Amino acid sequence: MRYSSRCSFPAIVMLAIGTAHAGPPLLSDDPHTVGPGRVEAIVAATAFGFEDSANVAVPLVDLTVGLFEGFDVAVALSPAFTVSPDAPVETRGAASLGLKWQPLRGDHWNASFTPTVSLNAPLLDETNVLLPVQIEYGWKRLSLGVDGGYVVDLDHSDLWFVAVYGGWSTSESLTVLAELWGGRARGDERSAAGLTLGLDWVMPWGPHLLASCGPGFETSVGRRVRWAAYLGLQWDFALWSRD
């Protein structure tokens, strides 16, 4: 994926992991579903810095709805802006539709499959089909997981990605998070990797405050992504009763 002609390959991987099947505030997703009849709604801003330009996306819609036990549907619609000191602001848009099926649900091990279609025109000028799998192990306040898969790019080079993440609940309301992510385009030497640090804080009045930031770089040429950041609010509520 590309935001613009100025966008480097780390953005391709970061967008593939984060935009189309986000598990905020990290780029990676966890395998847990929200539960039948429940809704997860997010209002957030995502930003990537590339040299002297920045790309900012703010979702108009970011909803996950639990249809059945272990089965969710998610939809996101985002305008995005490219800001550069020597060019006018570019405004574009992107949308994604995804499913999450969690066949393994347990006290310690959980796993899911999250196919997603991302339509990015004219912002990214392409359509992608993501085929990721998430596996997580949880023990007391600690969770460790892997999110990885393949991105079918209908217009350009396909790529694969993987992210290893961990979370530690320091209290009932605060979880600190970290991940290492990377990816490689099929058929050429482009590859990228990065680090993300984040937190999930349940505020006293209900919503979750989600925040993360971290660097990334392109290993083939050493061209750095100077920063990537996420800030959002998440609400969880019941849309209908299980009964």
C-alpha atoms as a PDB file:
ATOM      1  CA  MET A   1       0.000   0.000   0.000  1.00  0.00           C
ATOM      2  CA  ARG A   2       1.120   3.562  -0.563  1.00  0.00           C
ATOM      3  CA  TYR A   3      -0.223   6.862   0.726  1.00  0.00           C
ATOM      4  CA  SER A   4       1.548   8.831  -1.996  1.00  0.00           C
ATOM      5  CA  SER A   5       4.598   8.801  -4.190  1.00  0.00           C
ATOM      6  CA  ARG A   6       6.555  10.115  -1.187  1.00  0.00           C
ATOM      7  CA  CYS A   7       5.642   7.108   0.977  1.00  0.00           C
ATOM      8  CA  SER A   8       8.383   4.546   1.766  1.00  0.00           C
ATOM      9  CA  PHE A   9       8.019   0.807   2.073  1.00  0.00           C
ATOM     10  CA  PRO A  10       7.668   0.794   5.903  1.00  0.00           C
ATOM     11  CA  ALA A  11       4.372   2.600   5.342  1.00  0.00           C
ATOM     12  CA  ILE A  12       3.266  -0.211   3.060  1.00  0.00           C
ATOM     13  CA  VAL A  13       3.828  -2.766   5.811  1.00  0.00           C
ATOM     14  CA  MET A  14       2.494  -0.544   8.608  1.00  0.00           C
ATOM     15  CA  LEU A  15      -0.684   0.172   6.669  1.00  0.00           C
ATOM     16  CA  ALA A  16      -1.119  -3.477   5.732  1.00  0.00           C
ATOM     17  CA  ILE A  17      -0.891  -4.488   9.378  1.00  0.00           C
ATOM     18  CA  GLY A  18      -2.660  -1.543  10.926  1.00  0.00           C
ATOM     19  CA  THR A  19      -5.206   0.058   8.631  1.00  0.00           C
ATOM     20  CA  ALA A  20      -7.232  -2.839   7.384  1.00  0.00           C
ATOM     21  CA  HIS A  21      -7.506  -5.047  10.459  1.00  0.00           C
ATOM     22  CA  ALA A  22      -6.290  -2.867  13.267  1.00  0.00           C
ATOM     23  CA  GLY A  23      -5.992  -4.094  16.832  1.00  0.00           C
ATOM     24  CA  PRO A  24      -5.402  -0.672  18.347  1.00  0.00           C
ATOM     25  CA  PRO A  25      -3.319   0.799  19.729  1.00  0.00           C
ATOM     26  CA  LEU A  26      -0.785  -1.643  18.250  1.00  0.00           C
ATOM     27  CA  LEU A  27      -0.459  -2.441  14.568  1.00  0.00           C
ATOM     28  CA  SER A  28      -0.992  -6.124  15.321  1.00  0.00           C
ATOM     29  CA  ASP A  29      -4.383  -7.570  16.210  1.00  0.00           C
ATOM     30  CA  ASP A  30      -5.251  -9.977  19.008  1.00  0.00           C
ATOM     31  CA  PRO A  31      -7.409 -13.098  18.460  1.00  0.00           C
ATOM     32  CA  HIS A  32     -10.280 -12.156  20.783  1.00  0.00           C
ATOM     33  CA  THR A  33     -13.787 -11.419  19.504  1.00  0.00           C
ATOM     34  CA  VAL A  34     -16.100  -8.896  21.181  1.00  0.00           C
ATOM     35  CA  GLY A  35     -18.952 -11.328  21.911  1.00  0.00           C
ATOM     36  CA  PRO A  36     -22.408 -11.787  20.383  1.00  0.00           C
ATOM     37  CA  GLY A  37     -24.528  -8.652  20.359  1.00  0.00           C
ATOM     38  CA  ARG A  38     -21.672  -6.395  21.444  1.00  0.00           C
ATOM     39  CA  VAL A  39     -20.156  -3.433  19.620  1.00  0.00           C
ATOM     40  CA  GLU A  40     -16.670  -1.932  19.775  1.00  0.00           C
ATOM     41  CA  ALA A  41     -16.579   1.654  18.454  1.00  0.00           C
ATOM     42  CA  ILE A  42     -13.364   3.651  18.059  1.00  0.00           C
ATOM     43  CA  VAL A  43     -12.626   7.299  17.340  1.00  0.00           C
ATOM     44  CA  ALA A  44      -8.918   7.772  16.703  1.00  0.00           C
ATOM     45  CA  ALA A  45      -6.184   9.424  14.701  1.00  0.00           C
ATOM     46  CA  THR A  46      -3.271   7.557  13.113  1.00  0.00           C
ATOM     47  CA  ALA A  47      -0.182   9.382  11.840  1.00  0.00           C
ATOM     48  CA  PHE A  48       2.983   8.353   9.986  1.00  0.00           C
ATOM     49  CA  GLY A  49       5.974  10.628   9.432  1.00  0.00           C
ATOM     50  CA  PHE A  50       8.131  10.247   6.332  1.00  0.00           C
ATOM     51  CA  GLU A  51      11.105  12.577   5.996  1.00  0.00           C
ATOM     52  CA  ASP A  52       9.507  16.066   5.949  1.00  0.00           C
ATOM     53  CA  SER A  53       5.912  14.915   5.320  1.00  0.00           C
ATOM     54  CA  ALA A  54       3.191  13.375   7.479  1.00  0.00           C
ATOM     55  CA  ASN A  55       0.152  11.249   6.696  1.00  0.00           C
ATOM     56  CA  VAL A  56      -2.782  11.474   9.107  1.00  0.00           C
ATOM     57  CA  ALA A  57      -5.925   9.289   8.995  1.00  0.00           C
ATOM     58  CA  VAL A  58      -9.039   9.887  11.102  1.00  0.00           C
ATOM     59  CA  PRO A  59     -11.802   7.261  10.855  1.00  0.00           C
ATOM     60  CA  LEU A  60     -15.339   8.418  10.160  1.00  0.00           C
ATOM     61  CA  VAL A  61     -16.492   4.899  11.048  1.00  0.00           C
ATOM     62  CA  ASP A  62     -14.580   2.188  12.928  1.00  0.00           C
ATOM     63  CA  LEU A  63     -16.986  -0.433  14.237  1.00  0.00           C
ATOM     64  CA  THR A  64     -16.683  -4.083  15.227  1.00  0.00           C
ATOM     65  CA  VAL A  65     -19.916  -6.010  15.818  1.00  0.00           C
ATOM     66  CA  GLY A  66     -20.109  -9.469  17.375  1.00  0.00           C
ATOM     67  CA  LEU A  67     -22.616 -11.487  15.352  1.00  0.00           C
ATOM     68  CA  PHE A  68     -22.121 -14.868  17.021  1.00  0.00           C
ATOM     69  CA  GLU A  69     -19.859 -16.419  19.624  1.00  0.00           C
ATOM     70  CA  GLY A  70     -16.387 -16.282  18.110  1.00  0.00           C
ATOM     71  CA  PHE A  71     -17.438 -14.359  14.974  1.00  0.00           C
ATOM     72  CA  ASP A  72     -17.172 -10.588  14.354  1.00  0.00           C
ATOM     73  CA  VAL A  73     -17.600  -8.246  11.418  1.00  0.00           C
ATOM     74  CA  ALA A  74     -15.632  -4.979  11.254  1.00  0.00           C
ATOM     75  CA  VAL A  75     -15.954  -1.924   9.017  1.00  0.00           C
ATOM     76  CA  ALA A  76     -13.756   1.182   8.802  1.00  0.00           C
ATOM     77  CA  LEU A  77     -14.037   4.308   6.665  1.00  0.00           C
ATOM     78  CA  SER A  78     -11.275   6.921   6.897  1.00  0.00           C
ATOM     79  CA  PRO A  79     -10.381  10.211   5.275  1.00  0.00           C
ATOM     80  CA  ALA A  80      -6.635  10.800   5.221  1.00  0.00           C
ATOM     81  CA  PHE A  81      -4.409  13.813   4.712  1.00  0.00           C
ATOM     82  CA  THR A  82      -0.855  14.156   3.453  1.00  0.00           C
ATOM     83  CA  VAL A  83       0.885  17.250   4.828  1.00  0.00           C
ATOM     84  CA  SER A  84       4.185  18.503   3.415  1.00  0.00           C
ATOM     85  CA  PRO A  85       5.861  21.926   3.729  1.00  0.00           C
ATOM     86  CA  ASP A  86       6.439  22.255  -0.030  1.00  0.00           C
ATOM     87  CA  ALA A  87       3.098  20.955  -1.332  1.00  0.00           C
ATOM     88  CA  PRO A  88      -0.639  21.523  -0.794  1.00  0.00           C
ATOM     89  CA  VAL A  89      -2.492  19.219   1.579  1.00  0.00           C
ATOM     90  CA  GLU A  90      -3.725  16.079  -0.186  1.00  0.00           C
ATOM     91  CA  THR A  91      -7.062  14.643   0.941  1.00  0.00           C
ATOM     92  CA  ARG A  92      -8.033  11.064   0.127  1.00  0.00           C
ATOM     93  CA  GLY A  93     -10.076   8.225   1.578  1.00  0.00           C
ATOM     94  CA  ALA A  94      -9.939   4.491   2.340  1.00  0.00           C
ATOM     95  CA  ALA A  95     -12.382   1.807   3.486  1.00  0.00           C
ATOM     96  CA  SER A  96     -12.114  -1.757   4.747  1.00  0.00           C
ATOM     97  CA  LEU A  97     -14.439  -4.639   5.569  1.00  0.00           C
ATOM     98  CA  GLY A  98     -13.239  -7.577   7.620  1.00  0.00           C
ATOM     99  CA  LEU A  99     -14.353 -10.726   9.397  1.00  0.00           C
ATOM    100  CA  LYS A 100     -12.868 -12.365  12.473  1.00  0.00           C
ATOM    101  CA  TRP A 101     -13.409 -16.053  13.189  1.00  0.00           C
ATOM    102  CA  GLN A 102     -12.047 -17.357  16.482  1.00  0.00           C
ATOM    103  CA  PRO A 103     -12.062 -21.175  16.348  1.00  0.00           C
ATOM    104  CA  LEU A 104      -9.831 -21.549  19.421  1.00  0.00           C
ATOM    105  CA  ARG A 105     -11.055 -19.980  22.654  1.00  0.00           C
ATOM    106  CA  GLY A 106      -9.589 -20.963  25.991  1.00  0.00           C
ATOM    107  CA  ASP A 107      -8.232 -19.795  29.311  1.00  0.00           C
ATOM    108  CA  HIS A 108      -4.683 -19.650  27.939  1.00  0.00           C
ATOM    109  CA  TRP A 109      -4.594 -20.260  24.167  1.00  0.00           C
ATOM    110  CA  ASN A 110      -6.658 -18.322  21.632  1.00  0.00           C
ATOM    111  CA  ALA A 111      -6.462 -18.136  17.834  1.00  0.00           C
ATOM    112  CA  SER A 112      -8.357 -16.429  15.041  1.00  0.00           C
ATOM    113  CA  PHE A 113      -8.436 -15.847  11.268  1.00  0.00           C
ATOM    114  CA  THR A 114      -9.182 -12.294  10.083  1.00  0.00           C
ATOM    115  CA  PRO A 115      -9.708 -11.952   6.307  1.00  0.00           C
ATOM    116  CA  THR A 116     -10.117  -8.318   5.275  1.00  0.00           C
ATOM    117  CA  VAL A 117     -10.698  -6.419   2.036  1.00  0.00           C
ATOM    118  CA  SER A 118      -9.225  -2.920   1.911  1.00  0.00           C
ATOM    119  CA  LEU A 119     -10.351  -0.471  -0.796  1.00  0.00           C
ATOM    120  CA  ASN A 120      -7.947   2.426  -1.071  1.00  0.00           C
ATOM    121  CA  ALA A 121      -8.825   4.748  -3.905  1.00  0.00           C
ATOM    122  CA  PRO A 122      -7.569   7.219  -4.737  1.00  0.00           C
ATOM    123  CA  LEU A 123      -5.546   7.442  -1.489  1.00  0.00           C
ATOM    124  CA  LEU A 124      -3.533   4.272  -2.063  1.00  0.00           C
ATOM    125  CA  ASP A 125      -4.668   3.589  -5.626  1.00  0.00           C
ATOM    126  CA  GLU A 126      -5.150  -0.115  -5.006  1.00  0.00           C
ATOM    127  CA  THR A 127      -7.229  -2.878  -3.489  1.00  0.00           C
ATOM    128  CA  ASN A 128      -5.819  -5.425  -1.050  1.00  0.00           C
ATOM    129  CA  VAL A 129      -6.985  -8.685   0.448  1.00  0.00           C
ATOM    130  CA  LEU A 130      -5.413  -9.439   3.831  1.00  0.00           C
ATOM    131  CA  LEU A 131      -5.203 -13.012   5.118  1.00  0.00           C
ATOM    132  CA  PRO A 132      -3.832 -12.811   8.673  1.00  0.00           C
ATOM    133  CA  VAL A 133      -3.839 -15.304  11.546  1.00  0.00           C
ATOM    134  CA  GLN A 134      -3.511 -14.375  15.229  1.00  0.00           C
ATOM    135  CA  ILE A 135      -2.330 -16.730  18.003  1.00  0.00           C
ATOM    136  CA  GLU A 136      -2.048 -15.661  21.644  1.00  0.00           C
ATOM    137  CA  TYR A 137      -1.088 -17.197  24.957  1.00  0.00           C
ATOM    138  CA  GLY A 138      -2.317 -15.584  28.163  1.00  0.00           C
ATOM    139  CA  TRP A 139      -1.184 -16.273  31.710  1.00  0.00           C
ATOM    140  CA  LYS A 140      -2.464 -14.201  34.620  1.00  0.00           C
ATOM    141  CA  ARG A 141      -1.696 -10.562  33.690  1.00  0.00           C
ATOM    142  CA  LEU A 142       0.620 -11.420  30.783  1.00  0.00           C
ATOM    143  CA  SER A 143      -0.299 -11.995  27.139  1.00  0.00           C
ATOM    144  CA  LEU A 144       2.065 -12.951  24.306  1.00  0.00           C
ATOM    145  CA  GLY A 145       1.000 -13.278  20.704  1.00  0.00           C
ATOM    146  CA  VAL A 146       1.845 -13.435  17.015  1.00  0.00           C
ATOM    147  CA  ASP A 147      -0.098 -11.799  14.188  1.00  0.00           C
ATOM    148  CA  GLY A 148       1.077 -12.663  10.685  1.00  0.00           C
ATOM    149  CA  GLY A 149      -0.140 -13.318   7.200  1.00  0.00           C
ATOM    150  CA  TYR A 150      -0.162 -12.495   3.523  1.00  0.00           C
ATOM    151  CA  VAL A 151      -1.443  -9.443   1.665  1.00  0.00           C
ATOM    152  CA  VAL A 152      -2.743 -10.001  -1.866  1.00  0.00           C
ATOM    153  CA  ASP A 153      -2.215  -6.710  -3.688  1.00  0.00           C
ATOM    154  CA  LEU A 154      -4.434  -6.685  -6.761  1.00  0.00           C
ATOM    155  CA  ASP A 155      -2.495  -3.822  -8.346  1.00  0.00           C
ATOM    156  CA  HIS A 156       1.135  -4.131  -7.220  1.00  0.00           C
ATOM    157  CA  SER A 157       3.468  -6.520  -5.367  1.00  0.00           C
ATOM    158  CA  ASP A 158       2.059  -8.903  -2.770  1.00  0.00           C
ATOM    159  CA  LEU A 159       3.711  -8.929   0.643  1.00  0.00           C
ATOM    160  CA  TRP A 160       3.851 -10.856   3.904  1.00  0.00           C
ATOM    161  CA  PHE A 161       4.025  -9.450   7.405  1.00  0.00           C
ATOM    162  CA  VAL A 162       4.458 -10.619  10.975  1.00  0.00           C
ATOM    163  CA  ALA A 163       4.222  -8.930  14.371  1.00  0.00           C
ATOM    164  CA  VAL A 164       5.167 -10.335  17.780  1.00  0.00           C
ATOM    165  CA  TYR A 165       3.463  -8.545  20.651  1.00  0.00           C
ATOM    166  CA  GLY A 166       3.066  -8.632  24.406  1.00  0.00           C
ATOM    167  CA  GLY A 167       0.855  -7.016  27.007  1.00  0.00           C
ATOM    168  CA  TRP A 168       1.109  -6.646  30.778  1.00  0.00           C
ATOM    169  CA  SER A 169      -1.854  -5.560  32.920  1.00  0.00           C
ATOM    170  CA  THR A 170      -0.295  -3.457  35.620  1.00  0.00           C
ATOM    171  CA  SER A 171      -3.727  -2.939  37.216  1.00  0.00           C
ATOM    172  CA  GLU A 172      -7.410  -3.528  36.519  1.00  0.00           C
ATOM    173  CA  SER A 173      -7.500  -0.394  34.363  1.00  0.00           C
ATOM    174  CA  LEU A 174      -4.059  -0.135  32.706  1.00  0.00           C
ATOM    175  CA  THR A 175      -2.304  -2.433  30.227  1.00  0.00           C
ATOM    176  CA  VAL A 176       1.102  -1.629  28.722  1.00  0.00           C
ATOM    177  CA  LEU A 177       1.872  -3.062  25.291  1.00  0.00           C
ATOM    178  CA  ALA A 178       4.795  -3.587  22.947  1.00  0.00           C
ATOM    179  CA  GLU A 179       5.368  -5.179  19.560  1.00  0.00           C
ATOM    180  CA  LEU A 180       8.035  -5.876  16.960  1.00  0.00           C
ATOM    181  CA  TRP A 181       6.710  -5.898  13.403  1.00  0.00           C
ATOM    182  CA  GLY A 182       8.169  -6.556   9.978  1.00  0.00           C
ATOM    183  CA  GLY A 183       7.364  -7.465   6.412  1.00  0.00           C
ATOM    184  CA  ARG A 184       8.760  -8.146   2.981  1.00  0.00           C
ATOM    185  CA  ALA A 185       7.437  -7.607  -0.524  1.00  0.00           C
ATOM    186  CA  ARG A 186       7.283 -10.646  -2.769  1.00  0.00           C
ATOM    187  CA  GLY A 187       9.724 -10.695  -5.674  1.00  0.00           C
ATOM    188  CA  ASP A 188      12.054  -7.842  -4.675  1.00  0.00           C
ATOM    189  CA  GLU A 189      14.393  -6.774  -1.911  1.00  0.00           C
ATOM    190  CA  ARG A 190      12.091  -4.356  -0.070  1.00  0.00           C
ATOM    191  CA  SER A 191      11.630  -5.165   3.601  1.00  0.00           C
ATOM    192  CA  ALA A 192      10.712  -3.183   6.687  1.00  0.00           C
ATOM    193  CA  ALA A 193      10.656  -3.536  10.469  1.00  0.00           C
ATOM    194  CA  GLY A 194       9.769  -1.472  13.495  1.00  0.00           C
ATOM    195  CA  LEU A 195       8.877  -1.199  17.165  1.00  0.00           C
ATOM    196  CA  THR A 196       5.639   0.023  18.743  1.00  0.00           C
ATOM    197  CA  LEU A 197       5.003   0.860  22.408  1.00  0.00           C
ATOM    198  CA  GLY A 198       1.485   1.537  23.666  1.00  0.00           C
ATOM    199  CA  LEU A 199      -1.047   1.578  26.454  1.00  0.00           C
ATOM    200  CA  ASP A 200      -4.718   0.784  27.005  1.00  0.00           C
ATOM    201  CA  TRP A 201      -6.236   2.686  29.938  1.00  0.00           C
ATOM    202  CA  VAL A 202      -9.829   2.174  31.042  1.00  0.00           C
ATOM    203  CA  MET A 203     -10.903   5.601  32.220  1.00  0.00           C
ATOM    204  CA  PRO A 204     -13.149   5.970  35.304  1.00  0.00           C
ATOM    205  CA  TRP A 205     -16.147   7.057  33.198  1.00  0.00           C
ATOM    206  CA  GLY A 206     -15.961   4.043  30.883  1.00  0.00           C
ATOM    207  CA  PRO A 207     -14.113   4.511  27.565  1.00  0.00           C
ATOM    208  CA  HIS A 208     -10.657   3.133  26.849  1.00  0.00           C
ATOM    209  CA  LEU A 209      -7.868   5.592  26.092  1.00  0.00           C
ATOM    210  CA  LEU A 210      -5.594   3.999  23.474  1.00  0.00           C
ATOM    211  CA  ALA A 211      -2.163   5.399  22.605  1.00  0.00           C
ATOM    212  CA  SER A 212       1.000   4.168  20.915  1.00  0.00           C
ATOM    213  CA  CYS A 213       4.096   5.381  19.092  1.00  0.00           C
ATOM    214  CA  GLY A 214       7.293   3.984  17.646  1.00  0.00           C
ATOM    215  CA  PRO A 215       9.921   4.069  14.883  1.00  0.00           C
ATOM    216  CA  GLY A 216      10.264   1.946  11.779  1.00  0.00           C
ATOM    217  CA  PHE A 217      12.798   1.609   8.979  1.00  0.00           C
ATOM    218  CA  GLU A 218      13.365   0.100   5.572  1.00  0.00           C
ATOM    219  CA  THR A 219      16.121  -2.481   5.807  1.00  0.00           C
ATOM    220  CA  SER A 220      16.968  -2.520   2.105  1.00  0.00           C
ATOM    221  CA  VAL A 221      18.133   1.103   1.965  1.00  0.00           C
ATOM    222  CA  GLY A 222      18.098   2.257   5.594  1.00  0.00           C
ATOM    223  CA  ARG A 223      15.489   4.924   4.912  1.00  0.00           C
ATOM    224  CA  ARG A 224      13.815   5.637   8.213  1.00  0.00           C
ATOM    225  CA  VAL A 225      10.232   6.211   9.137  1.00  0.00           C
ATOM    226  CA  ARG A 226      10.867   8.838  11.769  1.00  0.00           C
ATOM    227  CA  TRP A 227       7.710   8.154  13.741  1.00  0.00           C
ATOM    228  CA  ALA A 228       4.307   6.549  13.819  1.00  0.00           C
ATOM    229  CA  ALA A 229       1.640   7.394  16.403  1.00  0.00           C
ATOM    230  CA  TYR A 230      -1.897   6.447  17.381  1.00  0.00           C
ATOM    231  CA  LEU A 231      -4.346   8.126  19.776  1.00  0.00           C
ATOM    232  CA  GLY A 232      -7.960   7.106  20.237  1.00  0.00           C
ATOM    233  CA  LEU A 233     -10.990   6.427  22.401  1.00  0.00           C
ATOM    234  CA  GLN A 234     -12.824   3.111  22.414  1.00  0.00           C
ATOM    235  CA  TRP A 235     -16.330   2.350  23.645  1.00  0.00           C
ATOM    236  CA  ASP A 236     -17.752  -1.136  24.235  1.00  0.00           C
ATOM    237  CA  PHE A 237     -21.484  -1.653  24.622  1.00  0.00           C
ATOM    238  CA  ALA A 238     -24.265  -4.198  24.042  1.00  0.00           C
ATOM    239  CA  LEU A 239     -26.320  -3.741  20.883  1.00  0.00           C
ATOM    240  CA  TRP A 240     -28.692  -6.585  21.646  1.00  0.00           C
ATOM    241  CA  SER A 241     -29.130  -9.197  24.334  1.00  0.00           C
ATOM    242  CA  ARG A 242     -27.816 -12.727  23.923  1.00  0.00           C
ATOM    243  CA  ASP A 243     -31.191 -13.910  25.201  1.00  0.00           C
END
